[in-house]
All heavy atoms as atom14 arrays in JSON, in Angstrom:
{
  "sequence": "DVVVIRYEGPKGGPGMREMLGPTAAIAGAGLDKDVALI",
  "atom14_mask": [
    [1, 1, 1, 1, 1, 1, 1, 1, 0, 0, 0, 0, 0, 0],
    [1, 1, 1, 1, 1, 1, 1, 0, 0, 0, 0, 0, 0, 0],
    [1, 1, 1, 1, 1, 1, 1, 0, 0, 0, 0, 0, 0, 0],
    [1, 1, 1, 1, 1, 1, 1, 0, 0, 0, 0, 0, 0, 0],
    [1, 1, 1, 1, 1, 1, 1, 1, 0, 0, 0, 0, 0, 0],
    [1, 1, 1, 1, 1, 1, 1, 1, 1, 1, 1, 0, 0, 0],
    [1, 1, 1, 1, 1, 1, 1, 1, 1, 1, 1, 1, 0, 0],
    [1, 1, 1, 1, 1, 1, 1, 1, 1, 0, 0, 0, 0, 0],
    [1, 1, 1, 1, 0, 0, 0, 0, 0, 0, 0, 0, 0, 0],
    [1, 1, 1, 1, 1, 1, 1, 0, 0, 0, 0, 0, 0, 0],
    [1, 1, 1, 1, 1, 1, 1, 1, 1, 0, 0, 0, 0, 0],
    [1, 1, 1, 1, 0, 0, 0, 0, 0, 0, 0, 0, 0, 0],
    [1, 1, 1, 1, 0, 0, 0, 0, 0, 0, 0, 0, 0, 0],
    [1, 1, 1, 1, 1, 1, 1, 0, 0, 0, 0, 0, 0, 0],
    [1, 1, 1, 1, 0, 0, 0, 0, 0, 0, 0, 0, 0, 0],
    [1, 1, 1, 1, 1, 1, 1, 1, 0, 0, 0, 0, 0, 0],
    [1, 1, 1, 1, 1, 1, 1, 1, 1, 1, 1, 0, 0, 0],
    [1, 1, 1, 1, 1, 1, 1, 1, 1, 0, 0, 0, 0, 0],
    [1, 1, 1, 1, 1, 1, 1, 1, 0, 0, 0, 0, 0, 0],
    [1, 1, 1, 1, 1, 1, 1, 1, 0, 0, 0, 0, 0, 0],
    [1, 1, 1, 1, 0, 0, 0, 0, 0, 0, 0, 0, 0, 0],
    [1, 1, 1, 1, 1, 1, 1, 0, 0, 0, 0, 0, 0, 0],
    [1, 1, 1, 1, 1, 1, 1, 0, 0, 0, 0, 0, 0, 0],
    [1, 1, 1, 1, 1, 0, 0, 0, 0, 0, 0, 0, 0, 0],
    [1, 1, 1, 1, 1, 0, 0, 0, 0, 0, 0, 0, 0, 0],
    [1, 1, 1, 1, 1, 1, 1, 1, 0, 0, 0, 0, 0, 0],
    [1, 1, 1, 1, 1, 0, 0, 0, 0, 0, 0, 0, 0, 0],
    [1, 1, 1, 1, 0, 0, 0, 0, 0, 0, 0, 0, 0, 0],
    [1, 1, 1, 1, 1, 0, 0, 0, 0, 0, 0, 0, 0, 0],
    [1, 1, 1, 1, 0, 0, 0, 0, 0, 0, 0, 0, 0, 0],
    [1, 1, 1, 1, 1, 1, 1, 1, 0, 0, 0, 0, 0, 0],
    [1, 1, 1, 1, 1, 1, 1, 1, 0, 0, 0, 0, 0, 0],
    [1, 1, 1, 1, 1, 1, 1, 1, 1, 0, 0, 0, 0, 0],
    [1, 1, 1, 1, 1, 1, 1, 1, 0, 0, 0, 0, 0, 0],
    [1, 1, 1, 1, 1, 1, 1, 0, 0, 0, 0, 0, 0, 0],
    [1, 1, 1, 1, 1, 0, 0, 0, 0, 0, 0, 0, 0, 0],
    [1, 1, 1, 1, 1, 1, 1, 1, 0, 0, 0, 0, 0, 0],
    [1, 1, 1, 1, 1, 1, 1, 1, 0, 0, 0, 0, 0, 0]
  ],
  "atom14_positions": [
    [[-3.17, 145.88, -154.98], [-4.41, 146.58, -154.62], [-4.12, 147.86, -153.83], [-3.08, 148.0, -153.18], [-5.31, 145.68, -153.78], [-6.01, 144.6, -154.6], [-5.98, 144.7, -155.84], [-6.56, 143.67, -153.98], [0.0, 0.0, 0.0], [0.0, 0.0, 0.0], [0.0, 0.0, 0.0], [0.0, 0.0, 0.0], [0.0, 0.0, 0.0], [0.0, 0.0, 0.0]],
    [[-5.1, 148.77, -153.87], [-5.09, 149.95, -153.01], [-6.35, 149.87, -152.14], [-7.46, 150.08, -152.62], [-5.08, 151.26, -153.83], [-5.12, 152.46, -152.88], [-3.86, 151.33, -154.73], [0.0, 0.0, 0.0], [0.0, 0.0, 0.0], [0.0, 0.0, 0.0], [0.0, 0.0, 0.0], [0.0, 0.0, 0.0], [0.0, 0.0, 0.0], [0.0, 0.0, 0.0]],
    [[-6.17, 149.51, -150.88], [-7.29, 149.39, -149.96], [-7.73, 150.79, -149.52], [-6.91, 151.59, -149.07], [-6.89, 148.55, -148.72], [-8.03, 148.51, -147.71], [-6.5, 147.14, -149.15], [0.0, 0.0, 0.0], [0.0, 0.0, 0.0], [0.0, 0.0, 0.0], [0.0, 0.0, 0.0], [0.0, 0.0, 0.0], [0.0, 0.0, 0.0], [0.0, 0.0, 0.0]],
    [[-9.01, 151.08, -149.68], [-9.56, 152.38, -149.27], [-10.56, 152.14, -148.14], [-11.55, 151.43, -148.31], [-10.27, 153.08, -150.45], [-10.91, 154.39, -149.98], [-9.28, 153.35, -151.59], [0.0, 0.0, 0.0], [0.0, 0.0, 0.0], [0.0, 0.0, 0.0], [0.0, 0.0, 0.0], [0.0, 0.0, 0.0], [0.0, 0.0, 0.0], [0.0, 0.0, 0.0]],
    [[-10.26, 152.69, -146.96], [-11.16, 152.59, -145.81], [-11.67, 153.99, -145.5], [-10.89, 154.87, -145.14], [-10.46, 152.0, -144.58], [-9.79, 150.66, -144.93], [-11.44, 151.81, -143.44], [-9.0, 150.06, -143.78], [0.0, 0.0, 0.0], [0.0, 0.0, 0.0], [0.0, 0.0, 0.0], [0.0, 0.0, 0.0], [0.0, 0.0, 0.0], [0.0, 0.0, 0.0]],
    [[-12.95, 154.18, -145.65], [-13.52, 155.52, -145.46], [-14.62, 155.52, -144.4], [-14.96, 154.47, -143.85], [-14.06, 156.05, -146.78], [-15.17, 155.2, -147.38], [-15.42, 155.62, -148.81], [-16.49, 154.83, -149.43], [-16.76, 154.83, -150.73], [-16.06, 155.59, -151.56], [-17.75, 154.1, -151.21], [0.0, 0.0, 0.0], [0.0, 0.0, 0.0], [0.0, 0.0, 0.0]],
    [[-15.13, 156.73, -144.11], [-16.08, 156.95, -143.02], [-15.49, 156.57, -141.67], [-16.17, 156.08, -140.77], [-17.41, 156.19, -143.26], [-18.1, 156.68, -144.51], [-18.1, 155.91, -145.67], [-18.72, 157.93, -144.55], [-18.71, 156.38, -146.84], [-19.32, 158.4, -145.71], [-19.32, 157.62, -146.84], [-19.91, 158.1, -148.01], [0.0, 0.0, 0.0], [0.0, 0.0, 0.0]],
    [[-14.17, 156.81, -141.54], [-13.48, 156.58, -140.27], [-12.74, 157.84, -139.81], [-11.87, 157.78, -138.96], [-12.48, 155.43, -140.41], [-13.1, 154.06, -140.62], [-13.86, 153.54, -139.42], [-13.99, 154.26, -138.41], [-14.37, 152.4, -139.48], [0.0, 0.0, 0.0], [0.0, 0.0, 0.0], [0.0, 0.0, 0.0], [0.0, 0.0, 0.0], [0.0, 0.0, 0.0]],
    [[-13.12, 159.0, -140.39], [-12.5, 160.26, -140.0], [-13.1, 160.81, -138.72], [-13.87, 160.13, -138.03], [0.0, 0.0, 0.0], [0.0, 0.0, 0.0], [0.0, 0.0, 0.0], [0.0, 0.0, 0.0], [0.0, 0.0, 0.0], [0.0, 0.0, 0.0], [0.0, 0.0, 0.0], [0.0, 0.0, 0.0], [0.0, 0.0, 0.0], [0.0, 0.0, 0.0]],
    [[-12.79, 162.07, -138.39], [-13.33, 162.67, -137.16], [-14.86, 162.6, -137.09], [-15.41, 162.22, -136.06], [-12.84, 164.11, -137.25], [-11.56, 164.02, -138.04], [-11.83, 162.96, -139.06], [0.0, 0.0, 0.0], [0.0, 0.0, 0.0], [0.0, 0.0, 0.0], [0.0, 0.0, 0.0], [0.0, 0.0, 0.0], [0.0, 0.0, 0.0], [0.0, 0.0, 0.0]],
    [[-15.54, 162.94, -138.17], [-16.99, 162.88, -138.19], [-17.5, 161.45, -138.4], [-18.46, 161.01, -137.78], [-17.56, 163.78, -139.3], [-17.45, 165.27, -139.04], [-18.09, 166.05, -140.17], [-18.01, 167.54, -139.96], [-18.79, 168.0, -138.79], [0.0, 0.0, 0.0], [0.0, 0.0, 0.0], [0.0, 0.0, 0.0], [0.0, 0.0, 0.0], [0.0, 0.0, 0.0]],
    [[-16.87, 160.75, -139.32], [-17.37, 159.44, -139.73], [-17.17, 158.34, -138.72], [-17.99, 157.43, -138.62], [0.0, 0.0, 0.0], [0.0, 0.0, 0.0], [0.0, 0.0, 0.0], [0.0, 0.0, 0.0], [0.0, 0.0, 0.0], [0.0, 0.0, 0.0], [0.0, 0.0, 0.0], [0.0, 0.0, 0.0], [0.0, 0.0, 0.0], [0.0, 0.0, 0.0]],
    [[-16.08, 158.38, -137.95], [-15.76, 157.31, -137.0], [-16.89, 156.98, -136.03], [-17.29, 155.83, -135.94], [0.0, 0.0, 0.0], [0.0, 0.0, 0.0], [0.0, 0.0, 0.0], [0.0, 0.0, 0.0], [0.0, 0.0, 0.0], [0.0, 0.0, 0.0], [0.0, 0.0, 0.0], [0.0, 0.0, 0.0], [0.0, 0.0, 0.0], [0.0, 0.0, 0.0]],
    [[-17.44, 157.95, -135.29], [-16.81, 159.26, -135.13], [-15.62, 159.16, -134.19], [-15.53, 158.23, -133.41], [-17.93, 160.11, -134.53], [-18.78, 159.13, -133.77], [-18.71, 157.84, -134.55], [0.0, 0.0, 0.0], [0.0, 0.0, 0.0], [0.0, 0.0, 0.0], [0.0, 0.0, 0.0], [0.0, 0.0, 0.0], [0.0, 0.0, 0.0], [0.0, 0.0, 0.0]],
    [[-14.73, 160.11, -134.34], [-13.57, 160.14, -133.47], [-12.27, 159.74, -134.12], [-11.25, 159.61, -133.46], [0.0, 0.0, 0.0], [0.0, 0.0, 0.0], [0.0, 0.0, 0.0], [0.0, 0.0, 0.0], [0.0, 0.0, 0.0], [0.0, 0.0, 0.0], [0.0, 0.0, 0.0], [0.0, 0.0, 0.0], [0.0, 0.0, 0.0], [0.0, 0.0, 0.0]],
    [[-12.27, 159.51, -135.44], [-11.06, 159.22, -136.19], [-10.32, 158.02, -135.61], [-9.23, 158.11, -135.05], [-10.14, 160.44, -136.22], [-9.17, 160.42, -137.38], [-8.23, 161.96, -137.48], [-7.41, 161.7, -139.04], [0.0, 0.0, 0.0], [0.0, 0.0, 0.0], [0.0, 0.0, 0.0], [0.0, 0.0, 0.0], [0.0, 0.0, 0.0], [0.0, 0.0, 0.0]],
    [[-10.94, 156.85, -135.76], [-10.37, 155.63, -135.2], [-9.01, 155.3, -135.84], [-8.76, 155.62, -136.99], [-11.32, 154.46, -135.4], [-12.61, 154.6, -134.62], [-13.33, 153.28, -134.51], [-13.8, 152.79, -135.79], [-14.39, 151.61, -135.93], [-14.56, 150.81, -134.9], [-14.82, 151.23, -137.12], [0.0, 0.0, 0.0], [0.0, 0.0, 0.0], [0.0, 0.0, 0.0]],
    [[-8.19, 154.62, -135.05], [-6.86, 154.22, -135.51], [-6.96, 152.93, -136.33], [-7.54, 151.94, -135.88], [-5.95, 154.0, -134.31], [-4.52, 153.64, -134.66], [-3.68, 153.47, -133.41], [-3.58, 154.43, -132.63], [-3.13, 152.37, -133.22], [0.0, 0.0, 0.0], [0.0, 0.0, 0.0], [0.0, 0.0, 0.0], [0.0, 0.0, 0.0], [0.0, 0.0, 0.0]],
    [[-6.38, 152.95, -137.53], [-6.47, 151.81, -138.44], [-5.3, 150.84, -138.28], [-4.75, 150.33, -139.26], [-6.55, 152.3, -139.89], [-7.76, 153.17, -140.2], [-9.33, 152.3, -140.06], [-9.94, 152.97, -138.51], [0.0, 0.0, 0.0], [0.0, 0.0, 0.0], [0.0, 0.0, 0.0], [0.0, 0.0, 0.0], [0.0, 0.0, 0.0], [0.0, 0.0, 0.0]],
    [[-4.89, 150.61, -137.05], [-3.77, 149.71, -136.8], [-4.12, 148.27, -137.19], [-3.28, 147.54, -137.72], [-3.36, 149.77, -135.33], [-2.21, 148.86, -134.91], [-0.95, 149.18, -135.69], [-1.95, 148.99, -133.41], [0.0, 0.0, 0.0], [0.0, 0.0, 0.0], [0.0, 0.0, 0.0], [0.0, 0.0, 0.0], [0.0, 0.0, 0.0], [0.0, 0.0, 0.0]],
    [[-5.37, 147.85, -136.94], [-5.78, 146.49, -137.26], [-5.59, 146.13, -138.72], [-4.93, 145.14, -139.05], [0.0, 0.0, 0.0], [0.0, 0.0, 0.0], [0.0, 0.0, 0.0], [0.0, 0.0, 0.0], [0.0, 0.0, 0.0], [0.0, 0.0, 0.0], [0.0, 0.0, 0.0], [0.0, 0.0, 0.0], [0.0, 0.0, 0.0], [0.0, 0.0, 0.0]],
    [[-6.14, 146.92, -139.65], [-5.96, 146.61, -141.08], [-4.51, 146.63, -141.54], [-4.09, 145.76, -142.31], [-6.77, 147.71, -141.77], [-7.81, 148.1, -140.78], [-7.12, 147.98, -139.44], [0.0, 0.0, 0.0], [0.0, 0.0, 0.0], [0.0, 0.0, 0.0], [0.0, 0.0, 0.0], [0.0, 0.0, 0.0], [0.0, 0.0, 0.0], [0.0, 0.0, 0.0]],
    [[-3.72, 147.59, -141.06], [-2.32, 147.63, -141.48], [-1.55, 146.43, -140.94], [-0.71, 145.87, -141.63], [-1.64, 148.95, -141.04], [-1.79, 149.12, -139.62], [-2.24, 150.14, -141.74], [0.0, 0.0, 0.0], [0.0, 0.0, 0.0], [0.0, 0.0, 0.0], [0.0, 0.0, 0.0], [0.0, 0.0, 0.0], [0.0, 0.0, 0.0], [0.0, 0.0, 0.0]],
    [[-1.85, 146.04, -139.69], [-1.18, 144.87, -139.11], [-1.59, 143.61, -139.86], [-0.77, 142.72, -140.09], [-1.54, 144.77, -137.63], [0.0, 0.0, 0.0], [0.0, 0.0, 0.0], [0.0, 0.0, 0.0], [0.0, 0.0, 0.0], [0.0, 0.0, 0.0], [0.0, 0.0, 0.0], [0.0, 0.0, 0.0], [0.0, 0.0, 0.0], [0.0, 0.0, 0.0]],
    [[-2.87, 143.54, -140.25], [-3.35, 142.36, -140.99], [-2.71, 142.28, -142.37], [-2.35, 141.19, -142.84], [-4.87, 142.41, -141.12], [0.0, 0.0, 0.0], [0.0, 0.0, 0.0], [0.0, 0.0, 0.0], [0.0, 0.0, 0.0], [0.0, 0.0, 0.0], [0.0, 0.0, 0.0], [0.0, 0.0, 0.0], [0.0, 0.0, 0.0], [0.0, 0.0, 0.0]],
    [[-2.55, 143.41, -143.02], [-1.87, 143.44, -144.33], [-0.43, 142.99, -144.18], [0.08, 142.19, -144.98], [-1.97, 144.85, -144.95], [-3.4, 145.12, -145.42], [-1.0, 145.0, -146.12], [-3.65, 146.55, -145.87], [0.0, 0.0, 0.0], [0.0, 0.0, 0.0], [0.0, 0.0, 0.0], [0.0, 0.0, 0.0], [0.0, 0.0, 0.0], [0.0, 0.0, 0.0]],
    [[0.25, 143.5, -143.15], [1.64, 143.09, -142.91], [1.71, 141.61, -142.56], [2.6, 140.89, -143.02], [2.24, 143.94, -141.78], [0.0, 0.0, 0.0], [0.0, 0.0, 0.0], [0.0, 0.0, 0.0], [0.0, 0.0, 0.0], [0.0, 0.0, 0.0], [0.0, 0.0, 0.0], [0.0, 0.0, 0.0], [0.0, 0.0, 0.0], [0.0, 0.0, 0.0]],
    [[0.76, 141.14, -141.76], [0.74, 139.73, -141.37], [0.52, 138.8, -142.55], [0.98, 137.66, -142.54], [0.0, 0.0, 0.0], [0.0, 0.0, 0.0], [0.0, 0.0, 0.0], [0.0, 0.0, 0.0], [0.0, 0.0, 0.0], [0.0, 0.0, 0.0], [0.0, 0.0, 0.0], [0.0, 0.0, 0.0], [0.0, 0.0, 0.0], [0.0, 0.0, 0.0]],
    [[-0.17, 139.3, -143.57], [-0.4, 138.52, -144.78], [0.77, 138.62, -145.76], [0.72, 138.04, -146.85], [-1.69, 138.98, -145.46], [0.0, 0.0, 0.0], [0.0, 0.0, 0.0], [0.0, 0.0, 0.0], [0.0, 0.0, 0.0], [0.0, 0.0, 0.0], [0.0, 0.0, 0.0], [0.0, 0.0, 0.0], [0.0, 0.0, 0.0], [0.0, 0.0, 0.0]],
    [[1.81, 139.36, -145.35], [2.99, 139.52, -146.21], [2.76, 140.44, -147.38], [3.47, 140.36, -148.39], [0.0, 0.0, 0.0], [0.0, 0.0, 0.0], [0.0, 0.0, 0.0], [0.0, 0.0, 0.0], [0.0, 0.0, 0.0], [0.0, 0.0, 0.0], [0.0, 0.0, 0.0], [0.0, 0.0, 0.0], [0.0, 0.0, 0.0], [0.0, 0.0, 0.0]],
    [[1.8, 141.37, -147.25], [1.45, 142.26, -148.36], [1.86, 143.71, -148.15], [1.55, 144.57, -148.99], [-0.06, 142.21, -148.6], [-0.64, 140.88, -149.08], [-2.17, 140.93, -149.06], [-0.13, 140.54, -150.49], [0.0, 0.0, 0.0], [0.0, 0.0, 0.0], [0.0, 0.0, 0.0], [0.0, 0.0, 0.0], [0.0, 0.0, 0.0], [0.0, 0.0, 0.0]],
    [[2.57, 143.99, -147.05], [2.89, 145.39, -146.75], [3.85, 146.02, -147.76], [3.97, 147.24, -147.82], [3.46, 145.53, -145.34], [4.64, 144.62, -145.09], [4.49, 143.39, -145.25], [5.71, 145.13, -144.73], [0.0, 0.0, 0.0], [0.0, 0.0, 0.0], [0.0, 0.0, 0.0], [0.0, 0.0, 0.0], [0.0, 0.0, 0.0], [0.0, 0.0, 0.0]],
    [[4.51, 145.2, -148.59], [5.39, 145.74, -149.63], [4.73, 145.69, -151.01], [5.37, 145.96, -152.03], [6.71, 144.98, -149.65], [7.54, 145.16, -148.39], [8.88, 144.44, -148.48], [9.7, 144.65, -147.2], [11.0, 143.94, -147.26], [0.0, 0.0, 0.0], [0.0, 0.0, 0.0], [0.0, 0.0, 0.0], [0.0, 0.0, 0.0], [0.0, 0.0, 0.0]],
    [[3.45, 145.35, -151.02], [2.74, 145.21, -152.3], [1.38, 145.88, -152.34], [0.78, 146.0, -153.41], [2.56, 143.73, -152.63], [3.87, 142.98, -152.75], [4.57, 143.18, -153.74], [4.19, 142.21, -151.82], [0.0, 0.0, 0.0], [0.0, 0.0, 0.0], [0.0, 0.0, 0.0], [0.0, 0.0, 0.0], [0.0, 0.0, 0.0], [0.0, 0.0, 0.0]],
    [[0.88, 146.31, -151.18], [-0.46, 146.87, -151.1], [-0.41, 148.23, -150.4], [0.27, 148.39, -149.39], [-1.41, 145.93, -150.31], [-2.72, 146.63, -149.97], [-1.68, 144.66, -151.11], [0.0, 0.0, 0.0], [0.0, 0.0, 0.0], [0.0, 0.0, 0.0], [0.0, 0.0, 0.0], [0.0, 0.0, 0.0], [0.0, 0.0, 0.0], [0.0, 0.0, 0.0]],
    [[-1.11, 149.2, -150.97], [-1.24, 150.51, -150.32], [-2.57, 150.57, -149.59], [-3.52, 149.86, -149.94], [-1.16, 151.63, -151.35], [0.0, 0.0, 0.0], [0.0, 0.0, 0.0], [0.0, 0.0, 0.0], [0.0, 0.0, 0.0], [0.0, 0.0, 0.0], [0.0, 0.0, 0.0], [0.0, 0.0, 0.0], [0.0, 0.0, 0.0], [0.0, 0.0, 0.0]],
    [[-2.64, 151.39, -148.55], [-3.88, 151.58, -147.81], [-4.11, 153.08, -147.65], [-3.22, 153.82, -147.23], [-3.8, 150.9, -146.45], [-5.12, 150.83, -145.65], [-5.1, 149.63, -144.7], [-5.39, 152.1, -144.85], [0.0, 0.0, 0.0], [0.0, 0.0, 0.0], [0.0, 0.0, 0.0], [0.0, 0.0, 0.0], [0.0, 0.0, 0.0], [0.0, 0.0, 0.0]],
    [[-5.31, 153.52, -148.01], [-5.68, 154.92, -147.92], [-6.92, 155.05, -147.06], [-7.89, 154.32, -147.25], [-5.95, 155.51, -149.32], [-4.67, 155.44, -150.18], [-6.45, 156.95, -149.23], [-4.9, 155.81, -151.64], [0.0, 0.0, 0.0], [0.0, 0.0, 0.0], [0.0, 0.0, 0.0], [0.0, 0.0, 0.0], [0.0, 0.0, 0.0], [0.0, 0.0, 0.0]]
  ]
}
């Protein structure tokens, strides 16, 4: 899969939030070598 998380940019966040939670969750599920996140 290619996970797309949008409306989190400077205007959309607002403030361009850090997406550490989703990337850590993907890695925790053992998918960091199989899933892209945009």
